[in-house]
Amino acid sequence: MKKNILKIATLIVMIILIVGCNSNNLNKTSHQAVVKQDSTPMVGGDIDKNGCKGSAGYQWSIIKNKCIRLFEDGIRLDAKQKGLDATFSAFIVFRDENIKDSIEVFLPNENDVFVLIQDKTNGAGKWINDKYELSQWKGVYTLETKRKKEILYQGVAAK
């Protein structure tokens, strides 16, 4: 009888050890899986404060009040001034195709986006703020500094 009790006790201890080892391994595996999942960035998970996905090419437009893709909604202006990086373009965006009272300007390598207001005193093709002036003549848009009249960017509206 003592031998049977000893065998049963030994068997119970072995079962407890086996179950304990397996549950410990399960906990480690699930913890490792969680850590691995949290450390890998999710593609397209870069939504900004306005709900725009930068990885998909979207950024917030102040005058349109929505997320836009500059290369779809904007007019590309290429660098013209010496010293500007010609591999990056500036973009301008109108509120609407028919409403051109203000233009939003996106300069490359700058976080600040600014709006130029139409200057109706000098005709319909000029927008200004305290630093910049944008003019349009025969479909060509020219962005220049207001004080020094240095041409920074220039581009043609697509038809």
Protein backbone atom coordinates (compact mmCIF):
# COMPACT_ATOMS: atom_id res chain seq x y z
CA MET A 1 0.00 0.00 0.00
CA LYS A 2 2.87 2.36 0.80
CA LYS A 3 4.33 1.62 -2.64
CA ASN A 4 1.02 2.53 -4.33
CA ILE A 5 0.73 5.79 -2.37
CA LEU A 6 4.34 6.59 -3.22
CA LYS A 7 3.70 5.87 -6.92
CA ILE A 8 0.53 8.01 -6.90
CA ALA A 9 2.31 10.86 -5.09
CA THR A 10 5.20 10.68 -7.54
CA LEU A 11 2.77 10.68 -10.46
CA ILE A 12 0.90 13.70 -9.05
CA VAL A 13 4.15 15.62 -8.55
CA MET A 14 5.23 14.83 -12.14
CA ILE A 15 1.86 15.95 -13.52
CA ILE A 16 2.06 19.19 -11.52
CA LEU A 17 5.58 19.83 -12.80
CA ILE A 18 4.63 19.11 -16.40
CA VAL A 19 1.50 21.28 -16.26
CA GLY A 20 3.43 24.04 -14.49
CA CYS A 21 6.20 24.02 -17.09
CA ASN A 22 3.73 24.08 -20.00
CA SER A 23 1.70 26.96 -18.58
CA ASN A 24 4.93 28.90 -17.95
CA ASN A 25 5.97 28.33 -21.57
CA LEU A 26 2.53 29.43 -22.78
CA ASN A 27 2.80 32.66 -20.77
CA LYS A 28 6.25 33.38 -22.19
CA THR A 29 5.10 32.67 -25.75
CA SER A 30 2.04 34.89 -25.50
CA HIS A 31 4.10 37.67 -23.86
CA GLN A 32 6.70 37.43 -26.61
CA ALA A 33 3.99 37.60 -29.26
CA VAL A 34 2.53 40.74 -27.68
CA VAL A 35 5.93 42.41 -27.45
CA LYS A 36 6.71 41.52 -31.06
CA GLN A 37 3.37 42.87 -32.24
CA ASP A 38 3.76 46.16 -30.32
CA SER A 39 7.32 46.76 -31.55
CA THR A 40 6.45 46.41 -35.25
CA PRO A 41 4.95 49.61 -36.70
CA MET A 42 1.72 49.15 -38.60
CA VAL A 43 1.81 50.36 -42.19
CA GLY A 44 -0.64 53.21 -42.71
CA GLY A 45 -0.89 53.79 -38.98
CA ASP A 46 0.49 57.32 -39.19
CA ILE A 47 -2.70 59.35 -38.90
CA ASP A 48 -2.00 62.96 -37.88
CA LYS A 49 -4.10 65.18 -35.60
CA ASN A 50 -6.43 66.03 -38.51
CA GLY A 51 -6.95 62.40 -39.54
CA CYS A 52 -4.67 62.56 -42.61
CA LYS A 53 -2.46 59.58 -43.51
CA GLY A 54 0.98 60.89 -44.43
CA SER A 55 2.16 57.51 -45.72
CA ALA A 56 -0.64 57.62 -48.30
CA GLY A 57 0.41 61.13 -49.39
CA TYR A 58 -2.33 63.04 -47.55
CA GLN A 59 -1.89 66.24 -45.62
CA TRP A 60 -4.28 68.79 -44.18
CA SER A 61 -5.41 71.74 -46.27
CA ILE A 62 -6.52 74.78 -44.31
CA ILE A 63 -8.55 76.39 -47.10
CA LYS A 64 -10.19 73.16 -48.31
CA ASN A 65 -10.75 71.99 -44.72
CA LYS A 66 -9.93 68.39 -45.58
CA CYS A 67 -7.07 65.97 -46.23
CA ILE A 68 -5.63 66.33 -49.73
CA ARG A 69 -2.83 64.97 -51.88
CA LEU A 70 -0.80 67.88 -53.15
CA PHE A 71 0.16 66.10 -56.35
CA GLU A 72 -3.55 65.61 -57.15
CA ASP A 73 -5.14 68.82 -55.86
CA GLY A 74 -2.30 71.32 -56.13
CA ILE A 75 -0.34 73.12 -58.80
CA ARG A 76 3.35 72.19 -58.80
CA LEU A 77 5.86 75.03 -58.71
CA ASP A 78 9.50 74.21 -59.48
CA ALA A 79 12.46 75.89 -57.79
CA LYS A 80 13.89 78.80 -59.78
CA GLN A 81 16.12 80.63 -57.31
CA LYS A 82 19.75 79.58 -57.08
CA GLY A 83 20.35 77.72 -53.84
CA LEU A 84 16.91 76.10 -53.64
CA ASP A 85 16.85 72.31 -53.91
CA ALA A 86 15.48 71.58 -57.39
CA THR A 87 14.49 68.03 -56.41
CA PHE A 88 11.61 69.36 -54.28
CA SER A 89 8.64 71.35 -55.53
CA ALA A 90 6.36 73.84 -53.87
CA PHE A 91 2.59 73.52 -54.34
CA ILE A 92 -0.29 75.94 -54.36
CA VAL A 93 -3.90 74.98 -53.70
CA PHE A 94 -7.05 76.96 -54.40
CA ARG A 95 -10.09 76.64 -52.15
CA ASP A 96 -12.16 75.73 -55.18
CA GLU A 97 -11.72 75.76 -58.95
CA ASN A 98 -14.11 78.71 -59.15
CA ILE A 99 -13.23 80.46 -55.89
CA LYS A 100 -9.73 81.92 -56.17
CA ASP A 101 -9.86 84.56 -53.43
CA SER A 102 -7.11 82.81 -51.48
CA ILE A 103 -4.32 80.34 -52.17
CA GLU A 104 -2.64 77.96 -49.76
CA VAL A 105 1.12 77.59 -50.27
CA PHE A 106 3.09 74.48 -49.35
CA LEU A 107 6.85 75.03 -49.45
CA PRO A 108 9.21 72.03 -49.45
CA ASN A 109 11.09 71.20 -46.24
CA GLU A 110 8.93 73.59 -44.23
CA ASN A 111 6.21 72.63 -41.78
CA ASP A 112 4.52 76.01 -41.99
CA VAL A 113 1.79 76.31 -44.55
CA PHE A 114 0.49 79.77 -45.28
CA VAL A 115 -2.37 81.40 -47.12
CA LEU A 116 -2.08 84.25 -49.60
CA ILE A 117 -5.08 86.55 -50.09
CA GLN A 118 -6.05 87.87 -53.51
CA ASP A 119 -4.87 91.44 -54.09
CA LYS A 120 -7.74 92.93 -56.05
CA THR A 121 -6.09 96.36 -56.31
CA ASN A 122 -3.58 95.10 -58.91
CA GLY A 123 -5.83 92.91 -61.01
CA ALA A 124 -7.13 89.40 -60.57
CA GLY A 125 -3.86 87.48 -60.87
CA LYS A 126 -2.03 88.41 -57.68
CA TRP A 127 -2.11 86.99 -54.13
CA ILE A 128 -0.08 88.36 -51.21
CA ASN A 129 0.81 88.18 -47.55
CA ASP A 130 3.48 90.05 -45.57
CA LYS A 131 6.37 87.91 -46.96
CA TYR A 132 5.35 86.50 -50.33
CA GLU A 133 3.62 87.42 -53.54
CA LEU A 134 2.15 84.98 -56.05
CA SER A 135 1.26 86.18 -59.50
CA GLN A 136 -0.37 84.46 -62.43
CA TRP A 137 0.20 85.49 -66.03
CA LYS A 138 -0.99 83.39 -68.98
CA GLY A 139 -1.27 80.25 -66.84
CA VAL A 140 2.20 80.60 -65.28
CA TYR A 141 2.29 81.00 -61.50
CA THR A 142 5.30 82.76 -59.98
CA LEU A 143 6.04 82.85 -56.24
CA GLU A 144 8.48 85.53 -55.17
CA THR A 145 9.57 87.37 -52.06
CA LYS A 146 7.53 90.49 -51.57
CA ARG A 147 10.32 92.89 -50.60
CA LYS A 148 13.24 91.80 -52.80
CA LYS A 149 11.14 90.48 -55.70
CA GLU A 150 13.29 87.33 -55.91
CA ILE A 151 11.60 84.60 -57.92
CA LEU A 152 11.53 81.45 -55.79
CA TYR A 153 9.20 79.02 -57.61
CA GLN A 154 7.36 78.91 -60.88
CA GLY A 155 4.88 76.51 -62.48
CA VAL A 156 2.09 76.03 -64.98
CA ALA A 157 -1.42 74.90 -64.13
CA ALA A 158 -2.31 71.56 -65.73
CA LYS A 159 -5.23 71.63 -68.13
